[in-house]
Amino acid sequence: MPMPTKQSSPDFDLHRQLAEIGAELGPRVRDATETLFRTRHGESLDFEIVRDIFYGPDPRHRLDVHKPDSDARDLRPVLCFVHGGGFISGDKHKVGLPYYDNVGQWAAVNGLLGVNITYRFAPEYTYPSGAQDVALALEWINQHVHEFGGDRSRVVVMGHSSGSAHVASCVSSMSSDVTSHNVPRGAILSSGVYDPSLGEGTYAVYYGDDQGSLRERSSIPGLCKTEIPLLMTSTEFDPPNIQSQTFELVSAMMHEHHKLPEYVLADGHNHYSVMYQFGTSMTWFSDRILRFIVSVTENNR
């Protein structure tokens, strides 16, 4: 009797293709991953997007607001998303591509108000400009998000890659005073840089190359002390230097609190696909993100 043939699922095939693409950072992997995911995004959603609102004085101090249906009586929780780009590039919206509108629209689909921001780039602007920009965006949210149906007291900030580094630096340096509306209810750190001294010069364009100051620019001590709930994520096909950053943070928090922190490994994904999957039929990772958002915003602190 012949053995039954195992049928490949679409997700299994995608996993194989992502594994074949590789784990390094750069345009080759990014572009190949964009090609794989482009057809997985359906037609544009009808949720309103208010683009290019200035939250500060610099030309790159801009944000987009993704609004869910406006018939809700109550103000909605807010997801503020900070994109990556190696500290030197990237944007909240790529013309002709669904990224990263897909994150803001995913937020709107799930009853949140999505706020996608962009920020100043190195080498013109270096540490701690990114954290300052995130703080400035959170201040704009505090002052104005109610005008779009958002609840300023229920904000979660999420950063990816260099955006995660900026969110981590911002959160690590801010007060955990729950009476301050600028303090988010939670922070999601996705495949970021948390201790630049571990990079052997990889992150010098933003953090500088003075070995004496790099350790002082680590966000890990502040993240270990903060009372703001954190969710850390990385991917199976993140490059080793990003994996080591995440596990350095996870290890430090475990030793600080004597328990494992909230951490999710996005198996089957690379550094780029983990954000490209938002808004597709691949929902397990985004469902986990949503569960964290709900858990930290559903009750008043």
Protein backbone atom coordinates (compact mmCIF):
# COMPACT_ATOMS: atom_id res chain seq x y z
CA MET A 1 0.00 0.00 0.00
CA PRO A 2 1.48 3.39 -0.94
CA MET A 3 2.15 5.82 1.88
CA PRO A 4 -0.19 8.82 2.00
CA THR A 5 1.29 12.02 0.63
CA LYS A 6 1.46 14.95 3.01
CA GLN A 7 -0.36 17.93 1.56
CA SER A 8 1.37 21.29 1.87
CA SER A 9 -0.67 24.06 3.42
CA PRO A 10 -0.29 27.64 2.15
CA ASP A 11 1.31 28.62 5.47
CA PHE A 12 3.74 25.69 5.29
CA ASP A 13 4.76 26.76 1.80
CA LEU A 14 5.22 30.34 2.97
CA HIS A 15 7.35 29.15 5.89
CA ARG A 16 9.57 27.25 3.47
CA GLN A 17 9.88 30.24 1.15
CA LEU A 18 10.78 32.58 4.01
CA ALA A 19 13.40 30.13 5.23
CA GLU A 20 14.90 30.03 1.74
CA ILE A 21 15.03 33.84 1.53
CA GLY A 22 17.36 33.99 4.53
CA ALA A 23 17.70 35.91 7.77
CA GLU A 24 19.92 38.89 6.99
CA LEU A 25 18.67 42.46 6.92
CA GLY A 26 18.63 44.51 3.75
CA PRO A 27 16.77 45.22 0.52
CA ARG A 28 17.16 41.71 -0.94
CA VAL A 29 15.28 40.01 1.90
CA ARG A 30 12.89 42.92 2.37
CA ASP A 31 11.89 43.10 -1.31
CA ALA A 32 11.52 39.33 -1.64
CA THR A 33 9.34 39.26 1.47
CA GLU A 34 7.20 42.14 0.19
CA THR A 35 6.62 40.16 -3.00
CA LEU A 36 5.49 37.10 -1.04
CA PHE A 37 3.00 39.05 1.05
CA ARG A 38 1.67 41.58 -1.44
CA THR A 39 -0.99 39.23 -2.81
CA ARG A 40 -2.03 38.19 0.70
CA HIS A 41 -3.50 41.63 1.32
CA GLY A 42 -6.99 42.09 -0.07
CA GLU A 43 -8.64 45.20 -1.38
CA SER A 44 -8.12 48.45 0.51
CA LEU A 45 -10.39 48.77 3.50
CA ASP A 46 -12.94 51.52 3.81
CA PHE A 47 -11.75 52.83 7.16
CA GLU A 48 -10.87 56.49 6.96
CA ILE A 49 -7.19 57.49 7.05
CA VAL A 50 -6.29 61.05 8.00
CA ARG A 51 -2.76 61.51 6.70
CA ASP A 52 0.27 63.60 7.53
CA ILE A 53 -0.80 65.35 10.70
CA PHE A 54 2.17 67.15 12.23
CA TYR A 55 2.88 66.22 15.84
CA GLY A 56 6.04 68.35 16.05
CA PRO A 57 8.09 70.99 14.21
CA ASP A 58 10.25 68.77 11.98
CA PRO A 59 9.09 67.75 8.48
CA ARG A 60 9.30 64.11 9.59
CA HIS A 61 7.13 64.69 12.66
CA ARG A 62 4.08 63.30 10.88
CA LEU A 63 1.44 60.73 11.73
CA ASP A 64 -1.57 59.04 10.12
CA VAL A 65 -4.78 58.29 12.00
CA HIS A 66 -6.74 55.17 11.02
CA LYS A 67 -10.32 55.61 12.18
CA PRO A 68 -12.77 52.75 12.80
CA ASP A 69 -16.48 53.17 12.20
CA SER A 70 -17.60 56.39 13.83
CA ASP A 71 -20.86 55.18 15.36
CA ALA A 72 -19.29 54.03 18.62
CA ARG A 73 -20.48 55.87 21.72
CA ASP A 74 -17.33 55.28 23.72
CA LEU A 75 -13.80 56.43 23.00
CA ARG A 76 -11.62 53.64 21.67
CA PRO A 77 -8.24 52.32 22.78
CA VAL A 78 -5.32 53.61 20.71
CA LEU A 79 -2.48 51.69 19.07
CA CYS A 80 0.48 53.90 18.21
CA PHE A 81 2.82 52.13 15.75
CA VAL A 82 6.45 53.14 15.14
CA HIS A 83 8.01 51.63 11.99
CA GLY A 84 11.56 50.42 11.47
CA GLY A 85 14.21 51.23 8.89
CA GLY A 86 17.66 50.75 10.37
CA PHE A 87 17.57 54.21 12.01
CA ILE A 88 18.13 55.86 8.61
CA SER A 89 15.01 55.20 6.52
CA GLY A 90 11.43 53.93 6.42
CA ASP A 91 8.01 55.49 6.59
CA LYS A 92 4.56 55.01 8.07
CA HIS A 93 3.10 54.57 4.58
CA LYS A 94 4.71 53.17 1.40
CA VAL A 95 3.02 54.42 -1.76
CA GLY A 96 1.80 51.51 -3.86
CA LEU A 97 2.26 49.00 -1.04
CA PRO A 98 0.01 48.10 1.91
CA TYR A 99 2.80 48.71 4.45
CA TYR A 100 2.38 50.05 7.06
CA ASP A 101 -1.20 51.06 6.49
CA ASN A 102 -1.89 47.38 7.12
CA VAL A 103 -1.06 47.85 10.81
CA GLY A 104 -3.25 50.93 11.27
CA GLN A 105 -6.10 49.34 9.32
CA TRP A 106 -5.76 46.12 11.36
CA ALA A 107 -6.15 48.27 14.46
CA ALA A 108 -9.32 49.87 13.06
CA VAL A 109 -10.77 46.48 12.08
CA ASN A 110 -10.35 45.38 15.68
CA GLY A 111 -12.05 48.40 17.19
CA LEU A 112 -8.93 50.40 17.98
CA LEU A 113 -7.83 53.78 16.75
CA GLY A 114 -4.61 53.29 14.77
CA VAL A 115 -1.92 55.97 14.85
CA ASN A 116 1.12 55.37 12.63
CA ILE A 117 4.04 57.76 13.12
CA THR A 118 7.32 58.50 11.43
CA TYR A 119 10.34 60.23 12.97
CA ARG A 120 13.71 61.89 12.34
CA PHE A 121 16.56 59.82 10.89
CA ALA A 122 20.25 59.33 11.50
CA PRO A 123 22.90 60.39 10.71
CA GLU A 124 21.47 63.90 10.96
CA TYR A 125 19.58 63.05 14.13
CA THR A 126 21.16 60.63 16.57
CA TYR A 127 20.46 59.21 20.03
CA PRO A 128 18.14 60.08 21.78
CA SER A 129 16.16 61.79 18.98
CA GLY A 130 14.01 58.71 18.30
CA ALA A 131 12.86 58.43 21.91
CA GLN A 132 12.17 62.16 21.95
CA ASP A 133 10.01 61.81 18.84
CA VAL A 134 8.01 58.94 20.34
CA ALA A 135 7.44 61.03 23.48
CA LEU A 136 6.36 63.96 21.32
CA ALA A 137 3.88 61.75 19.44
CA LEU A 138 2.48 60.45 22.74
CA GLU A 139 2.04 64.07 23.84
CA TRP A 140 0.10 64.79 20.62
CA ILE A 141 -2.06 61.74 21.31
CA ASN A 142 -2.69 63.00 24.82
CA GLN A 143 -3.80 66.38 23.51
CA HIS A 144 -5.67 65.49 20.33
CA VAL A 145 -6.63 61.84 19.95
CA HIS A 146 -10.08 62.39 21.45
CA GLU A 147 -10.88 64.50 18.38
CA PHE A 148 -10.70 61.28 16.35
CA GLY A 149 -12.58 59.07 18.81
CA GLY A 150 -9.54 57.78 20.70
CA ASP A 151 -9.17 57.40 24.46
CA ARG A 152 -5.98 59.15 25.60
CA SER A 153 -5.97 57.09 28.80
CA ARG A 154 -5.85 53.78 26.91
CA VAL A 155 -2.83 53.97 24.63
CA VAL A 156 -0.49 51.13 23.68
CA VAL A 157 2.69 51.92 21.76
CA MET A 158 4.30 49.35 19.47
CA GLY A 159 7.68 49.62 17.76
CA HIS A 160 9.36 47.37 15.23
CA SER A 161 13.11 47.11 14.57
CA SER A 162 14.64 50.60 14.99
CA GLY A 163 11.15 51.78 15.92
CA SER A 164 11.24 49.27 18.75
CA ALA A 165 14.58 50.71 19.88
CA HIS A 166 13.02 54.17 20.02
CA VAL A 167 9.95 52.95 21.92
CA ALA A 168 12.19 51.05 24.35
CA SER A 169 14.35 54.11 25.00
CA CYS A 170 11.27 56.29 25.50
CA VAL A 171 9.53 53.87 27.85
CA SER A 172 12.69 53.15 29.84
CA SER A 173 13.19 56.82 30.61
CA MET A 174 9.62 57.85 31.40
CA SER A 175 7.87 57.83 34.70
CA SER A 176 5.49 54.99 35.43
CA ASP A 177 3.13 57.45 37.12
CA VAL A 178 -0.29 56.12 36.16
CA THR A 179 -1.87 59.55 36.69
CA SER A 180 0.03 60.92 33.68
CA HIS A 181 -1.87 60.57 30.41
CA ASN A 182 1.41 60.56 28.48
CA VAL A 183 2.29 57.17 29.98
CA PRO A 184 1.04 54.33 27.75
CA ARG A 185 -0.91 51.43 29.18
CA GLY A 186 1.54 49.02 27.55
CA ALA A 187 4.44 48.75 25.11
CA ILE A 188 5.15 46.11 22.46
CA LEU A 189 8.79 45.69 21.47
CA SER A 190 9.29 43.80 18.21
CA SER A 191 12.79 42.73 17.09
CA GLY A 192 14.53 45.83 18.35
CA VAL A 193 17.86 47.09 19.67
CA TYR A 194 18.04 47.50 23.43
CA ASP A 195 21.75 47.47 24.27
CA PRO A 196 23.86 49.05 21.50
CA SER A 197 27.09 47.95 23.19
CA LEU A 198 26.30 44.41 21.99
CA GLY A 199 26.32 45.44 18.35
CA GLU A 200 30.10 45.78 17.76
CA GLY A 201 29.58 49.03 15.90
CA THR A 202 26.49 47.87 13.98
CA TYR A 203 24.36 50.69 15.34
CA ALA A 204 26.99 53.46 15.35
CA VAL A 205 25.08 55.58 12.83
CA TYR A 206 22.51 56.31 15.55
CA TYR A 207 24.13 55.51 18.91
CA GLY A 208 27.71 56.60 18.08
CA ASP A 209 30.88 54.56 18.45
CA ASP A 210 32.08 55.66 21.88
CA GLN A 211 32.28 52.36 23.72
CA GLY A 212 32.25 54.15 27.04
CA SER A 213 28.80 55.62 26.44
CA LEU A 214 27.11 52.79 24.55
CA ARG A 215 26.34 50.78 27.67
CA GLU A 216 24.86 53.90 29.26
CA ARG A 217 22.52 54.18 26.29
CA SER A 218 21.05 50.75 26.91
CA SER A 219 17.31 50.79 27.58
CA ILE A 220 17.45 47.46 29.43
CA PRO A 221 17.94 48.79 32.99
CA GLY A 222 15.00 51.17 32.62
CA LEU A 223 12.81 48.50 31.03
CA CYS A 224 13.54 46.16 33.93
CA LYS A 225 12.37 48.83 36.38
CA THR A 226 9.31 50.16 34.59
CA GLU A 227 5.81 49.30 35.76
CA ILE A 228 4.46 49.74 32.23
CA PRO A 229 3.45 46.26 30.95
CA LEU A 230 5.72 45.02 28.18
CA LEU A 231 5.35 42.40 25.46
CA MET A 232 8.55 41.40 23.67
CA THR A 233 8.62 39.62 20.33
CA SER A 234 11.20 38.36 17.85
CA THR A 235 11.07 36.07 14.82
CA GLU A 236 12.49 32.70 13.87
CA PHE A 237 14.43 34.23 10.99
CA ASP A 238 15.62 37.41 12.68
CA PRO A 239 19.38 37.84 12.20
CA PRO A 240 21.50 36.67 15.15
CA ASN A 241 22.32 40.18 16.36
CA ILE A 242 18.60 40.99 16.73
CA GLN A 243 17.96 37.65 18.43
CA SER A 244 20.72 38.39 20.94
CA GLN A 245 19.25 41.83 21.68
CA THR A 246 15.84 40.34 22.47
CA PHE A 247 17.16 37.55 24.63
CA GLU A 248 19.45 39.91 26.53
CA LEU A 249 16.37 41.91 27.46
CA VAL A 250 14.29 38.83 28.27
CA SER A 251 17.09 37.43 30.44
CA ALA A 252 17.57 40.71 32.30
CA MET A 253 13.87 41.02 33.02
CA MET A 254 13.70 37.41 34.19
CA HIS A 255 16.49 38.02 36.69
CA GLU A 256 14.96 41.29 37.82
CA HIS A 257 11.46 39.90 38.41
CA HIS A 258 12.27 36.22 39.02
CA LYS A 259 9.87 35.11 36.31
CA LEU A 260 9.73 35.01 32.54
CA PRO A 261 8.34 38.20 30.98
CA GLU A 262 5.71 38.17 28.28
CA TYR A 263 7.52 37.08 25.14
CA VAL A 264 6.34 35.73 21.79
CA LEU A 265 8.49 34.04 19.15
CA ALA A 266 6.96 34.50 15.70
CA ASP A 267 8.05 31.17 14.29
CA GLY A 268 8.05 30.89 10.51
CA HIS A 269 8.60 34.62 10.03
CA ASN A 270 11.52 36.87 9.24
CA HIS A 271 12.31 40.40 10.35
CA TYR A 272 9.99 41.93 7.75
CA SER A 273 7.17 39.44 7.35
CA VAL A 274 6.17 39.67 11.00
CA MET A 275 4.76 43.15 10.29
CA TYR A 276 3.63 42.43 6.74
CA GLN A 277 1.31 39.69 8.01
CA PHE A 278 -0.98 42.16 9.80
CA GLY A 279 -4.23 42.34 7.89
CA THR A 280 -3.81 38.99 6.15
CA SER A 281 -5.44 35.63 6.87
CA MET A 282 -2.41 34.70 9.00
CA THR A 283 -3.77 35.86 12.32
CA TRP A 284 -2.14 33.92 15.14
CA PHE A 285 0.58 36.50 15.79
CA SER A 286 -1.67 39.53 15.41
CA ASP A 287 -4.26 37.80 17.62
CA ARG A 288 -1.60 37.50 20.31
CA ILE A 289 -0.78 41.19 19.95
CA LEU A 290 -4.47 42.07 20.22
CA ARG A 291 -4.84 39.94 23.35
CA PHE A 292 -2.07 41.92 25.02
CA ILE A 293 -3.62 45.24 23.99
CA VAL A 294 -7.01 44.22 25.35
CA SER A 295 -5.48 42.92 28.59
CA VAL A 296 -3.81 46.27 29.41
CA THR A 297 -6.58 48.58 28.22
CA GLU A 298 -9.82 46.89 29.27
CA ASN A 299 -9.70 48.02 32.89
CA ASN A 300 -8.99 51.41 34.41
CA ARG A 301 -5.70 51.56 36.26
